[in-house]
Amino acid sequence: MRHLKKGKKFHRLRGRRISFIRNLANDLIRAGKIETTETRAKAIRPVVEKLVTIGKTGDLASRRLLLSRVQNKTVVQKLIADLGTKYKERNGGYLRITKLAKTRKRDGSRLAVIEFV
């Protein structure tokens, strides 16, 4: 039984799953909007929202914390400079998931668009 177990495994080992979610989050922050499956969108939403919340302060400690979690300097710069200032007055809810009416051809999984509000 999966009591008190949160999150999806995505048929990956722990390290590969962490880097998979990190790469999806990096792509979303870089592009501002990505099209992926519903499950992946729901999995990266809390990760990216926490990163934006950390980026809102913009001090050295938050920059180092973001760099340890994202491991990409350009993404950290965008989080602090662009997204941190854009959502300074907003208390969460930075992302929107829109379910699409189409499915992926090879396995039939439902697609969704995740984007910044």
PDB file of N, CA and C in Angstrom:
ATOM      1  N   MET A   1       0.841  -1.197   0.000  1.00  0.00           N
ATOM      2  CA  MET A   1       0.000   0.000   0.000  1.00  0.00           C
ATOM      3  C   MET A   1       0.875   1.245   0.000  1.00  0.00           C
ATOM      4  N   ARG A   2       0.385   2.289  -0.627  1.00  0.00           N
ATOM      5  CA  ARG A   2       1.170   3.510  -0.766  1.00  0.00           C
ATOM      6  C   ARG A   2       0.703   4.593   0.195  1.00  0.00           C
ATOM      7  N   HIS A   3       0.482   4.237   1.452  1.00  0.00           N
ATOM      8  CA  HIS A   3       0.079   5.246   2.415  1.00  0.00           C
ATOM      9  C   HIS A   3       1.223   6.238   2.640  1.00  0.00           C
ATOM     10  N   LEU A   4       0.880   7.509   2.681  1.00  0.00           N
ATOM     11  CA  LEU A   4       1.823   8.608   2.932  1.00  0.00           C
ATOM     12  C   LEU A   4       2.948   8.681   1.903  1.00  0.00           C
ATOM     13  N   LYS A   5       2.726   8.160   0.717  1.00  0.00           N
ATOM     14  CA  LYS A   5       3.696   8.269  -0.367  1.00  0.00           C
ATOM     15  C   LYS A   5       3.128   9.237  -1.382  1.00  0.00           C
ATOM     16  N   LYS A   6       3.823  10.345  -1.603  1.00  0.00           N
ATOM     17  CA  LYS A   6       3.303  11.317  -2.557  1.00  0.00           C
ATOM     18  C   LYS A   6       4.206  11.392  -3.772  1.00  0.00           C
ATOM     19  N   GLY A   7       3.638  11.778  -4.869  1.00  0.00           N
ATOM     20  CA  GLY A   7       4.396  11.917  -6.093  1.00  0.00           C
ATOM     21  C   GLY A   7       4.374  10.664  -6.940  1.00  0.00           C
ATOM     22  N   LYS A   8       4.621  10.838  -8.213  1.00  0.00           N
ATOM     23  CA  LYS A   8       4.656   9.738  -9.161  1.00  0.00           C
ATOM     24  C   LYS A   8       6.085   9.255  -9.342  1.00  0.00           C
ATOM     25  N   LYS A   9       6.235   7.999  -9.718  1.00  0.00           N
ATOM     26  CA  LYS A   9       7.558   7.430  -9.923  1.00  0.00           C
ATOM     27  C   LYS A   9       8.030   7.538 -11.370  1.00  0.00           C
ATOM     28  N   PHE A  10       7.112   7.599 -12.316  1.00  0.00           N
ATOM     29  CA  PHE A  10       7.423   7.705 -13.740  1.00  0.00           C
ATOM     30  C   PHE A  10       8.315   6.562 -14.230  1.00  0.00           C
ATOM     31  N   HIS A  11       8.249   5.395 -13.595  1.00  0.00           N
ATOM     32  CA  HIS A  11       9.032   4.213 -13.971  1.00  0.00           C
ATOM     33  C   HIS A  11      10.525   4.515 -14.022  1.00  0.00           C
ATOM     34  N   ARG A  12      11.002   5.300 -13.055  1.00  0.00           N
ATOM     35  CA  ARG A  12      12.409   5.667 -13.011  1.00  0.00           C
ATOM     36  C   ARG A  12      12.957   5.461 -11.612  1.00  0.00           C
ATOM     37  N   LEU A  13      14.252   5.263 -11.524  1.00  0.00           N
ATOM     38  CA  LEU A  13      14.910   5.203 -10.232  1.00  0.00           C
ATOM     39  C   LEU A  13      14.973   6.609  -9.638  1.00  0.00           C
ATOM     40  N   ARG A  14      15.312   6.696  -8.359  1.00  0.00           N
ATOM     41  CA  ARG A  14      15.216   7.956  -7.634  1.00  0.00           C
ATOM     42  C   ARG A  14      16.054   9.068  -8.273  1.00  0.00           C
ATOM     43  N   GLY A  15      17.328   8.814  -8.562  1.00  0.00           N
ATOM     44  CA  GLY A  15      18.181   9.850  -9.118  1.00  0.00           C
ATOM     45  C   GLY A  15      17.738  10.297 -10.501  1.00  0.00           C
ATOM     46  N   ARG A  16      17.338   9.341 -11.313  1.00  0.00           N
ATOM     47  CA  ARG A  16      16.874   9.684 -12.656  1.00  0.00           C
ATOM     48  C   ARG A  16      15.548  10.422 -12.612  1.00  0.00           C
ATOM     49  N   ARG A  17      14.705  10.083 -11.638  1.00  0.00           N
ATOM     50  CA  ARG A  17      13.425  10.775 -11.491  1.00  0.00           C
ATOM     51  C   ARG A  17      13.641  12.223 -11.053  1.00  0.00           C
ATOM     52  N   ILE A  18      14.571  12.442 -10.144  1.00  0.00           N
ATOM     53  CA  ILE A  18      14.860  13.805  -9.685  1.00  0.00           C
ATOM     54  C   ILE A  18      15.399  14.654 -10.834  1.00  0.00           C
ATOM     55  N   SER A  19      16.322  14.093 -11.631  1.00  0.00           N
ATOM     56  CA  SER A  19      16.862  14.871 -12.751  1.00  0.00           C
ATOM     57  C   SER A  19      15.808  15.069 -13.841  1.00  0.00           C
ATOM     58  N   PHE A  20      14.904  14.106 -14.005  1.00  0.00           N
ATOM     59  CA  PHE A  20      13.820  14.236 -14.974  1.00  0.00           C
ATOM     60  C   PHE A  20      12.907  15.405 -14.606  1.00  0.00           C
ATOM     61  N   ILE A  21      12.516  15.483 -13.346  1.00  0.00           N
ATOM     62  CA  ILE A  21      11.645  16.567 -12.888  1.00  0.00           C
ATOM     63  C   ILE A  21      12.390  17.902 -12.930  1.00  0.00           C
ATOM     64  N   ARG A  22      13.676  17.887 -12.602  1.00  0.00           N
ATOM     65  CA  ARG A  22      14.483  19.108 -12.665  1.00  0.00           C
ATOM     66  C   ARG A  22      14.591  19.621 -14.093  1.00  0.00           C
ATOM     67  N   ASN A  23      14.783  18.718 -15.051  1.00  0.00           N
ATOM     68  CA  ASN A  23      14.883  19.133 -16.450  1.00  0.00           C
ATOM     69  C   ASN A  23      13.559  19.674 -16.974  1.00  0.00           C
ATOM     70  N   LEU A  24      12.445  19.048 -16.581  1.00  0.00           N
ATOM     71  CA  LEU A  24      11.139  19.572 -16.977  1.00  0.00           C
ATOM     72  C   LEU A  24      10.922  20.970 -16.398  1.00  0.00           C
ATOM     73  N   ALA A  25      11.306  21.159 -15.133  1.00  0.00           N
ATOM     74  CA  ALA A  25      11.152  22.469 -14.497  1.00  0.00           C
ATOM     75  C   ALA A  25      12.032  23.510 -15.185  1.00  0.00           C
ATOM     76  N   ASN A  26      13.258  23.133 -15.541  1.00  0.00           N
ATOM     77  CA  ASN A  26      14.143  24.055 -16.252  1.00  0.00           C
ATOM     78  C   ASN A  26      13.557  24.453 -17.603  1.00  0.00           C
ATOM     79  N   ASP A  27      13.015  23.490 -18.323  1.00  0.00           N
ATOM     80  CA  ASP A  27      12.408  23.790 -19.616  1.00  0.00           C
ATOM     81  C   ASP A  27      11.219  24.730 -19.475  1.00  0.00           C
ATOM     82  N   LEU A  28      10.407  24.503 -18.447  1.00  0.00           N
ATOM     83  CA  LEU A  28       9.245  25.367 -18.227  1.00  0.00           C
ATOM     84  C   LEU A  28       9.663  26.785 -17.877  1.00  0.00           C
ATOM     85  N   ILE A  29      10.659  26.927 -17.023  1.00  0.00           N
ATOM     86  CA  ILE A  29      11.111  28.270 -16.628  1.00  0.00           C
ATOM     87  C   ILE A  29      11.744  28.984 -17.817  1.00  0.00           C
ATOM     88  N   ARG A  30      12.537  28.262 -18.604  1.00  0.00           N
ATOM     89  CA  ARG A  30      13.192  28.860 -19.764  1.00  0.00           C
ATOM     90  C   ARG A  30      12.185  29.302 -20.821  1.00  0.00           C
ATOM     91  N   ALA A  31      11.214  28.441 -21.138  1.00  0.00           N
ATOM     92  CA  ALA A  31      10.298  28.729 -22.235  1.00  0.00           C
ATOM     93  C   ALA A  31       9.056  29.489 -21.782  1.00  0.00           C
ATOM     94  N   GLY A  32       8.651  29.325 -20.531  1.00  0.00           N
ATOM     95  CA  GLY A  32       7.453  29.978 -20.051  1.00  0.00           C
ATOM     96  C   GLY A  32       6.200  29.154 -20.249  1.00  0.00           C
ATOM     97  N   LYS A  33       6.266  28.154 -21.134  1.00  0.00           N
ATOM     98  CA  LYS A  33       5.093  27.341 -21.437  1.00  0.00           C
ATOM     99  C   LYS A  33       5.562  26.081 -22.149  1.00  0.00           C
ATOM    100  N   ILE A  34       5.098  24.909 -21.697  1.00  0.00           N
ATOM    101  CA  ILE A  34       5.440  23.669 -22.374  1.00  0.00           C
ATOM    102  C   ILE A  34       4.199  22.795 -22.495  1.00  0.00           C
ATOM    103  N   GLU A  35       4.222  21.926 -23.487  1.00  0.00           N
ATOM    104  CA  GLU A  35       3.148  20.953 -23.675  1.00  0.00           C
ATOM    105  C   GLU A  35       3.679  19.585 -23.275  1.00  0.00           C
ATOM    106  N   THR A  36       3.019  18.950 -22.321  1.00  0.00           N
ATOM    107  CA  THR A  36       3.458  17.668 -21.794  1.00  0.00           C
ATOM    108  C   THR A  36       2.232  16.874 -21.365  1.00  0.00           C
ATOM    109  N   THR A  37       2.433  15.739 -20.745  1.00  0.00           N
ATOM    110  CA  THR A  37       1.289  14.960 -20.281  1.00  0.00           C
ATOM    111  C   THR A  37       0.723  15.577 -19.009  1.00  0.00           C
ATOM    112  N   GLU A  38      -0.520  15.239 -18.699  1.00  0.00           N
ATOM    113  CA  GLU A  38      -1.162  15.792 -17.508  1.00  0.00           C
ATOM    114  C   GLU A  38      -0.417  15.396 -16.242  1.00  0.00           C
ATOM    115  N   THR A  39       0.022  14.165 -16.172  1.00  0.00           N
ATOM    116  CA  THR A  39       0.698  13.684 -14.973  1.00  0.00           C
ATOM    117  C   THR A  39       2.012  14.412 -14.748  1.00  0.00           C
ATOM    118  N   ARG A  40       2.759  14.626 -15.799  1.00  0.00           N
ATOM    119  CA  ARG A  40       4.021  15.356 -15.671  1.00  0.00           C
ATOM    120  C   ARG A  40       3.768  16.806 -15.276  1.00  0.00           C
ATOM    121  N   ALA A  41       2.748  17.417 -15.843  1.00  0.00           N
ATOM    122  CA  ALA A  41       2.427  18.805 -15.504  1.00  0.00           C
ATOM    123  C   ALA A  41       2.045  18.928 -14.038  1.00  0.00           C
ATOM    124  N   LYS A  42       1.250  17.969 -13.548  1.00  0.00           N
ATOM    125  CA  LYS A  42       0.850  18.006 -12.143  1.00  0.00           C
ATOM    126  C   LYS A  42       2.024  17.732 -11.216  1.00  0.00           C
ATOM    127  N   ALA A  43       3.016  16.987 -11.691  1.00  0.00           N
ATOM    128  CA  ALA A  43       4.177  16.675 -10.861  1.00  0.00           C
ATOM    129  C   ALA A  43       5.135  17.849 -10.755  1.00  0.00           C
ATOM    130  N   ILE A  44       5.294  18.640 -11.827  1.00  0.00           N
ATOM    131  CA  ILE A  44       6.278  19.727 -11.768  1.00  0.00           C
ATOM    132  C   ILE A  44       5.681  21.030 -11.240  1.00  0.00           C
ATOM    133  N   ARG A  45       4.373  21.122 -11.149  1.00  0.00           N
ATOM    134  CA  ARG A  45       3.750  22.356 -10.682  1.00  0.00           C
ATOM    135  C   ARG A  45       4.212  22.766  -9.281  1.00  0.00           C
ATOM    136  N   PRO A  46       4.162  21.897  -8.252  1.00  0.00           N
ATOM    137  CA  PRO A  46       4.621  22.349  -6.928  1.00  0.00           C
ATOM    138  C   PRO A  46       6.111  22.650  -6.885  1.00  0.00           C
ATOM    139  N   VAL A  47       6.899  21.953  -7.695  1.00  0.00           N
ATOM    140  CA  VAL A  47       8.344  22.198  -7.714  1.00  0.00           C
ATOM    141  C   VAL A  47       8.636  23.603  -8.224  1.00  0.00           C
ATOM    142  N   VAL A  48       8.024  23.961  -9.350  1.00  0.00           N
ATOM    143  CA  VAL A  48       8.287  25.272  -9.953  1.00  0.00           C
ATOM    144  C   VAL A  48       7.704  26.388  -9.094  1.00  0.00           C
ATOM    145  N   GLU A  49       6.550  26.171  -8.492  1.00  0.00           N
ATOM    146  CA  GLU A  49       5.960  27.221  -7.650  1.00  0.00           C
ATOM    147  C   GLU A  49       6.830  27.500  -6.431  1.00  0.00           C
ATOM    148  N   LYS A  50       7.431  26.474  -5.854  1.00  0.00           N
ATOM    149  CA  LYS A  50       8.342  26.695  -4.733  1.00  0.00           C
ATOM    150  C   LYS A  50       9.591  27.439  -5.174  1.00  0.00           C
ATOM    151  N   LEU A  51      10.081  27.142  -6.385  1.00  0.00           N
ATOM    152  CA  LEU A  51      11.253  27.848  -6.901  1.00  0.00           C
ATOM    153  C   LEU A  51      10.952  29.332  -7.116  1.00  0.00           C
ATOM    154  N   VAL A  52       9.774  29.643  -7.640  1.00  0.00           N
ATOM    155  CA  VAL A  52       9.403  31.047  -7.854  1.00  0.00           C
ATOM    156  C   VAL A  52       9.259  31.761  -6.519  1.00  0.00           C
ATOM    157  N   THR A  53       8.713  31.088  -5.522  1.00  0.00           N
ATOM    158  CA  THR A  53       8.564  31.693  -4.200  1.00  0.00           C
ATOM    159  C   THR A  53       9.925  31.998  -3.593  1.00  0.00           C
ATOM    160  N   ILE A  54      10.878  31.109  -3.765  1.00  0.00           N
ATOM    161  CA  ILE A  54      12.233  31.365  -3.267  1.00  0.00           C
ATOM    162  C   ILE A  54      12.861  32.517  -4.047  1.00  0.00           C
ATOM    163  N   GLY A  55      12.612  32.569  -5.349  1.00  0.00           N
ATOM    164  CA  GLY A  55      13.198  33.612  -6.185  1.00  0.00           C
ATOM    165  C   GLY A  55      12.648  35.003  -5.929  1.00  0.00           C
ATOM    166  N   LYS A  56      11.505  35.098  -5.248  1.00  0.00           N
ATOM    167  CA  LYS A  56      10.911  36.408  -4.989  1.00  0.00           C
ATOM    168  C   LYS A  56      11.743  37.251  -4.027  1.00  0.00           C
ATOM    169  N   THR A  57      12.477  36.627  -3.119  1.00  0.00           N
ATOM    170  CA  THR A  57      13.279  37.407  -2.181  1.00  0.00           C
ATOM    171  C   THR A  57      14.491  38.015  -2.870  1.00  0.00           C
ATOM    172  N   GLY A  58      15.190  37.228  -3.678  1.00  0.00           N
ATOM    173  CA  GLY A  58      16.265  37.760  -4.504  1.00  0.00           C
ATOM    174  C   GLY A  58      17.574  38.031  -3.797  1.00  0.00           C
ATOM    175  N   ASP A  59      17.757  37.574  -2.558  1.00  0.00           N
ATOM    176  CA  ASP A  59      19.029  37.816  -1.880  1.00  0.00           C
ATOM    177  C   ASP A  59      20.020  36.704  -2.206  1.00  0.00           C
ATOM    178  N   LEU A  60      21.198  36.795  -1.630  1.00  0.00           N
ATOM    179  CA  LEU A  60      22.264  35.849  -1.950  1.00  0.00           C
ATOM    180  C   LEU A  60      21.930  34.433  -1.492  1.00  0.00           C
ATOM    181  N   ALA A  61      21.311  34.313  -0.338  1.00  0.00           N
ATOM    182  CA  ALA A  61      20.966  32.985   0.182  1.00  0.00           C
ATOM    183  C   ALA A  61      19.951  32.286  -0.721  1.00  0.00           C
ATOM    184  N   SER A  62      18.964  33.032  -1.206  1.00  0.00           N
ATOM    185  CA  SER A  62      17.982  32.417  -2.093  1.00  0.00           C
ATOM    186  C   SER A  62      18.604  32.079  -3.443  1.00  0.00           C
ATOM    187  N   ARG A  63      19.537  32.894  -3.912  1.00  0.00           N
ATOM    188  CA  ARG A  63      20.230  32.600  -5.166  1.00  0.00           C
ATOM    189  C   ARG A  63      21.012  31.296  -5.047  1.00  0.00           C
ATOM    190  N   ARG A  64      21.699  31.105  -3.923  1.00  0.00           N
ATOM    191  CA  ARG A  64      22.469  29.877  -3.725  1.00  0.00           C
ATOM    192  C   ARG A  64      21.562  28.664  -3.562  1.00  0.00           C
ATOM    193  N   LEU A  65      20.439  28.844  -2.885  1.00  0.00           N
ATOM    194  CA  LEU A  65      19.486  27.756  -2.723  1.00  0.00           C
ATOM    195  C   LEU A  65      18.894  27.345  -4.065  1.00  0.00           C
ATOM    196  N   LEU A  66      18.549  28.325  -4.891  1.00  0.00           N
ATOM    197  CA  LEU A  66      18.033  28.026  -6.228  1.00  0.00           C
ATOM    198  C   LEU A  66      19.087  27.338  -7.090  1.00  0.00           C
ATOM    199  N   LEU A  67      20.320  27.774  -6.978  1.00  0.00           N
ATOM    200  CA  LEU A  67      21.388  27.169  -7.769  1.00  0.00           C
ATOM    201  C   LEU A  67      21.620  25.716  -7.363  1.00  0.00           C
ATOM    202  N   SER A  68      21.440  25.412  -6.077  1.00  0.00           N
ATOM    203  CA  SER A  68      21.602  24.027  -5.643  1.00  0.00           C
ATOM    204  C   SER A  68      20.453  23.154  -6.123  1.00  0.00           C
ATOM    205  N   ARG A  69      19.279  23.727  -6.294  1.00  0.00           N
ATOM    206  CA  ARG A  69      18.121  22.941  -6.721  1.00  0.00           C
ATOM    207  C   ARG A  69      17.979  22.855  -8.236  1.00  0.00           C
ATOM    208  N   VAL A  70      18.309  23.931  -8.945  1.00  0.00           N
ATOM    209  CA  VAL A  70      18.096  23.969 -10.387  1.00  0.00           C
ATOM    210  C   VAL A  70      19.358  23.599 -11.150  1.00  0.00           C
ATOM    211  N   GLN A  71      20.523  24.010 -10.663  1.00  0.00           N
ATOM    212  CA  GLN A  71      21.828  23.724 -11.247  1.00  0.00           C
ATOM    213  C   GLN A  71      21.988  24.296 -12.648  1.00  0.00           C
ATOM    214  N   ASN A  72      21.459  25.518 -12.842  1.00  0.00           N
ATOM    215  CA  ASN A  72      21.602  26.201 -14.118  1.00  0.00           C
ATOM    216  C   ASN A  72      21.565  27.703 -13.838  1.00  0.00           C
ATOM    217  N   LYS A  73      22.656  28.400 -14.142  1.00  0.00           N
ATOM    218  CA  LYS A  73      22.757  29.812 -13.782  1.00  0.00           C
ATOM    219  C   LYS A  73      21.778  30.701 -14.539  1.00  0.00           C
ATOM    220  N   THR A  74      21.531  30.395 -15.806  1.00  0.00           N
ATOM    221  CA  THR A  74      20.605  31.229 -16.571  1.00  0.00           C
ATOM    222  C   THR A  74      19.178  31.094 -16.057  1.00  0.00           C
ATOM    223  N   VAL A  75      18.801  29.887 -15.634  1.00  0.00           N
ATOM    224  CA  VAL A  75      17.462  29.678 -15.083  1.00  0.00           C
ATOM    225  C   VAL A  75      17.327  30.408 -13.746  1.00  0.00           C
ATOM    226  N   VAL A  76      18.373  30.369 -12.924  1.00  0.00           N
ATOM    227  CA  VAL A  76      18.345  31.084 -11.641  1.00  0.00           C
ATOM    228  C   VAL A  76      18.230  32.582 -11.876  1.00  0.00           C
ATOM    229  N   GLN A  77      18.956  33.094 -12.853  1.00  0.00           N
ATOM    230  CA  GLN A  77      18.880  34.517 -13.172  1.00  0.00           C
ATOM    231  C   GLN A  77      17.472  34.904 -13.621  1.00  0.00           C
ATOM    232  N   LYS A  78      16.859  34.058 -14.435  1.00  0.00           N
ATOM    233  CA  LYS A  78      15.501  34.350 -14.899  1.00  0.00           C
ATOM    234  C   LYS A  78      14.502  34.274 -13.749  1.00  0.00           C
ATOM    235  N   LEU A  79      14.686  33.318 -12.837  1.00  0.00           N
ATOM    236  CA  LEU A  79      13.793  33.201 -11.680  1.00  0.00           C
ATOM    237  C   LEU A  79      13.846  34.450 -10.820  1.00  0.00           C
ATOM    238  N   ILE A  80      15.039  34.958 -10.571  1.00  0.00           N
ATOM    239  CA  ILE A  80      15.172  36.104  -9.671  1.00  0.00           C
ATOM    240  C   ILE A  80      14.831  37.409 -10.376  1.00  0.00           C
ATOM    241  N   ALA A  81      15.371  37.621 -11.573  1.00  0.00           N
ATOM    242  CA  ALA A  81      15.192  38.903 -12.245  1.00  0.00           C
ATOM    243  C   ALA A  81      13.796  39.066 -12.846  1.00  0.00           C
ATOM    244  N   ASP A  82      13.339  38.078 -13.587  1.00  0.00           N
ATOM    245  CA  ASP A  82      12.072  38.221 -14.305  1.00  0.00           C
ATOM    246  C   ASP A  82      10.875  37.764 -13.481  1.00  0.00           C
ATOM    247  N   LEU A  83      10.873  36.490 -13.099  1.00  0.00           N
ATOM    248  CA  LEU A  83       9.696  35.930 -12.442  1.00  0.00           C
ATOM    249  C   LEU A  83       9.539  36.434 -11.013  1.00  0.00           C
ATOM    250  N   GLY A  84      10.658  36.650 -10.317  1.00  0.00           N
ATOM    251  CA  GLY A  84      10.577  37.152  -8.946  1.00  0.00           C
ATOM    252  C   GLY A  84       9.968  38.537  -8.863  1.00  0.00           C
ATOM    253  N   THR A  85      10.337  39.396  -9.788  1.00  0.00           N
ATOM    254  CA  THR A  85       9.760  40.739  -9.785  1.00  0.00           C
ATOM    255  C   THR A  85       8.339  40.760 -10.330  1.00  0.00           C
ATOM    256  N   LYS A  86       8.040  39.855 -11.265  1.00  0.00           N
ATOM    257  CA  LYS A  86       6.697  39.808 -11.850  1.00  0.00           C
ATOM    258  C   LYS A  86       5.656  39.363 -10.831  1.00  0.00           C
ATOM    259  N   TYR A  87       6.013  38.399 -10.000  1.00  0.00           N
ATOM    260  CA  TYR A  87       5.060  37.838  -9.036  1.00  0.00           C
ATOM    261  C   TYR A  87       5.338  38.292  -7.602  1.00  0.00           C
ATOM    262  N   LYS A  88       5.916  39.471  -7.440  1.00  0.00           N
ATOM    263  CA  LYS A  88       6.264  39.974  -6.109  1.00  0.00           C
ATOM    264  C   LYS A  88       5.038  40.127  -5.212  1.00  0.00           C
ATOM    265  N   GLU A  89       3.941  40.580  -5.757  1.00  0.00           N
ATOM    266  CA  GLU A  89       2.733  40.828  -4.971  1.00  0.00           C
ATOM    267  C   GLU A  89       1.795  39.626  -4.921  1.00  0.00           C
ATOM    268  N   ARG A  90       2.066  38.593  -5.683  1.00  0.00           N
ATOM    269  CA  ARG A  90       1.169  37.438  -5.757  1.00  0.00           C
ATOM    270  C   ARG A  90       1.572  36.384  -4.725  1.00  0.00           C
ATOM    271  N   ASN A  91       0.582  35.817  -4.040  1.00  0.00           N
ATOM    272  CA  ASN A  91       0.849  34.839  -2.988  1.00  0.00           C
ATOM    273  C   ASN A  91       0.601  33.416  -3.477  1.00  0.00           C
ATOM    274  N   GLY A  92       1.323  32.983  -4.469  1.00  0.00           N
ATOM    275  CA  GLY A  92       1.182  31.624  -4.970  1.00  0.00           C
ATOM    276  C   GLY A  92       0.269  31.565  -6.179  1.00  0.00           C
ATOM    277  N   GLY A  93       0.131  30.389  -6.737  1.00  0.00           N
ATOM    278  CA  GLY A  93      -0.705  30.207  -7.920  1.00  0.00           C
ATOM    279  C   GLY A  93      -0.095  30.825  -9.153  1.00  0.00           C
ATOM    280  N   TYR A  94       1.181  30.539  -9.400  1.00  0.00           N
ATOM    281  CA  TYR A  94       1.886  31.157 -10.517  1.00  0.00           C
ATOM    282  C   TYR A  94       1.680  30.403 -11.824  1.00  0.00           C
ATOM    283  N   LEU A  95       1.210  29.164 -11.753  1.00  0.00           N
ATOM    284  CA  LEU A  95       1.115  28.319 -12.940  1.00  0.00           C
ATOM    285  C   LEU A  95      -0.326  27.952 -13.249  1.00  0.00           C
ATOM    286  N   ARG A  96      -0.586  27.680 -14.519  1.00  0.00           N
ATOM    287  CA  ARG A  96      -1.898  27.261 -14.989  1.00  0.00           C
ATOM    288  C   ARG A  96      -1.709  25.998 -15.822  1.00  0.00           C
ATOM    289  N   ILE A  97      -2.515  24.978 -15.525  1.00  0.00           N
ATOM    290  CA  ILE A  97      -2.509  23.752 -16.311  1.00  0.00           C
ATOM    291  C   ILE A  97      -3.799  23.712 -17.110  1.00  0.00           C
ATOM    292  N   THR A  98      -3.674  23.670 -18.427  1.00  0.00           N
ATOM    293  CA  THR A  98      -4.829  23.593 -19.317  1.00  0.00           C
ATOM    294  C   THR A  98      -4.810  22.234 -20.004  1.00  0.00           C
ATOM    295  N   LYS A  99      -5.854  21.446 -19.781  1.00  0.00           N
ATOM    296  CA  LYS A  99      -5.922  20.128 -20.392  1.00  0.00           C
ATOM    297  C   LYS A  99      -6.329  20.264 -21.851  1.00  0.00           C
ATOM    298  N   LEU A 100      -5.627  19.564 -22.717  1.00  0.00           N
ATOM    299  CA  LEU A 100      -5.911  19.601 -24.141  1.00  0.00           C
ATOM    300  C   LEU A 100      -6.851  18.463 -24.516  1.00  0.00           C
ATOM    301  N   ALA A 101      -7.532  18.603 -25.638  1.00  0.00           N
ATOM    302  CA  ALA A 101      -8.489  17.600 -26.084  1.00  0.00           C
ATOM    303  C   ALA A 101      -7.831  16.536 -26.948  1.00  0.00           C
ATOM    304  N   LYS A 102      -6.515  16.496 -26.986  1.00  0.00           N
ATOM    305  CA  LYS A 102      -5.836  15.506 -27.803  1.00  0.00           C
ATOM    306  C   LYS A 102      -4.982  14.592 -26.932  1.00  0.00           C
ATOM    307  N   THR A 103      -4.655  13.453 -27.497  1.00  0.00           N
ATOM    308  CA  THR A 103      -3.823  12.492 -26.802  1.00  0.00           C
ATOM    309  C   THR A 103      -2.560  12.248 -27.604  1.00  0.00           C
ATOM    310  N   ARG A 104      -1.560  11.700 -26.915  1.00  0.00           N
ATOM    311  CA  ARG A 104      -0.321  11.368 -27.592  1.00  0.00           C
ATOM    312  C   ARG A 104      -0.541  10.119 -28.433  1.00  0.00           C
ATOM    313  N   LYS A 105       0.005  10.106 -29.629  1.00  0.00           N
ATOM    314  CA  LYS A 105      -0.305   9.049 -30.588  1.00  0.00           C
ATOM    315  C   LYS A 105       0.224   7.684 -30.150  1.00  0.00           C
ATOM    316  N   ARG A 106       1.432   7.643 -29.616  1.00  0.00           N
ATOM    317  CA  ARG A 106       2.053   6.342 -29.374  1.00  0.00           C
ATOM    318  C   ARG A 106       1.478   5.591 -28.184  1.00  0.00           C
ATOM    319  N   ASP A 107       1.049   6.290 -27.117  1.00  0.00           N
ATOM    320  CA  ASP A 107       0.539   5.575 -25.956  1.00  0.00           C
ATOM    321  C   ASP A 107      -0.820   6.072 -25.475  1.00  0.00           C
ATOM    322  N   GLY A 108      -1.360   7.092 -26.101  1.00  0.00           N
ATOM    323  CA  GLY A 108      -2.699   7.555 -25.756  1.00  0.00           C
ATOM    324  C   GLY A 108      -2.799   8.359 -24.480  1.00  0.00           C
ATOM    325  N   SER A 109      -1.669   8.862 -23.949  1.00  0.00           N
ATOM    326  CA  SER A 109      -1.766   9.664 -22.731  1.00  0.00           C
ATOM    327  C   SER A 109      -2.282  11.057 -23.047  1.00  0.00           C
ATOM    328  N   ARG A 110      -3.047  11.578 -22.100  1.00  0.00           N
ATOM    329  CA  ARG A 110      -3.676  12.880 -22.299  1.00  0.00           C
ATOM    330  C   ARG A 110      -2.638  13.979 -22.156  1.00  0.00           C
ATOM    331  N   LEU A 111      -2.750  14.986 -22.997  1.00  0.00           N
ATOM    332  CA  LEU A 111      -1.785  16.078 -23.006  1.00  0.00           C
ATOM    333  C   LEU A 111      -2.352  17.308 -22.318  1.00  0.00           C
ATOM    334  N   ALA A 112      -1.439  18.131 -21.824  1.00  0.00           N
ATOM    335  CA  ALA A 112      -1.819  19.367 -21.159  1.00  0.00           C
ATOM    336  C   ALA A 112      -0.748  20.410 -21.431  1.00  0.00           C
ATOM    337  N   VAL A 113      -1.124  21.669 -21.284  1.00  0.00           N
ATOM    338  CA  VAL A 113      -0.184  22.778 -21.404  1.00  0.00           C
ATOM    339  C   VAL A 113      -0.030  23.387 -20.030  1.00  0.00           C
ATOM    340  N   ILE A 114       1.202  23.527 -19.572  1.00  0.00           N
ATOM    341  CA  ILE A 114       1.466  24.189 -18.305  1.00  0.00           C
ATOM    342  C   ILE A 114       2.200  25.479 -18.628  1.00  0.00           C
ATOM    343  N   GLU A 115       1.717  26.593 -18.051  1.00  0.00           N
ATOM    344  CA  GLU A 115       2.281  27.901 -18.369  1.00  0.00           C
ATOM    345  C   GLU A 115       2.162  28.820 -17.172  1.00  0.00           C
ATOM    346  N   PHE A 116       2.938  29.892 -17.199  1.00  0.00           N
ATOM    347  CA  PHE A 116       2.861  30.891 -16.158  1.00  0.00           C
ATOM    348  C   PHE A 116       1.653  31.781 -16.380  1.00  0.00           C
ATOM    349  N   VAL A 117       1.028  32.192 -15.290  1.00  0.00           N
ATOM    350  CA  VAL A 117      -0.183  33.028 -15.371  1.00  0.00           C
ATOM    351  C   VAL A 117       0.198  34.430 -15.773  1.00  0.00           C
TER     352      VAL A 117
END
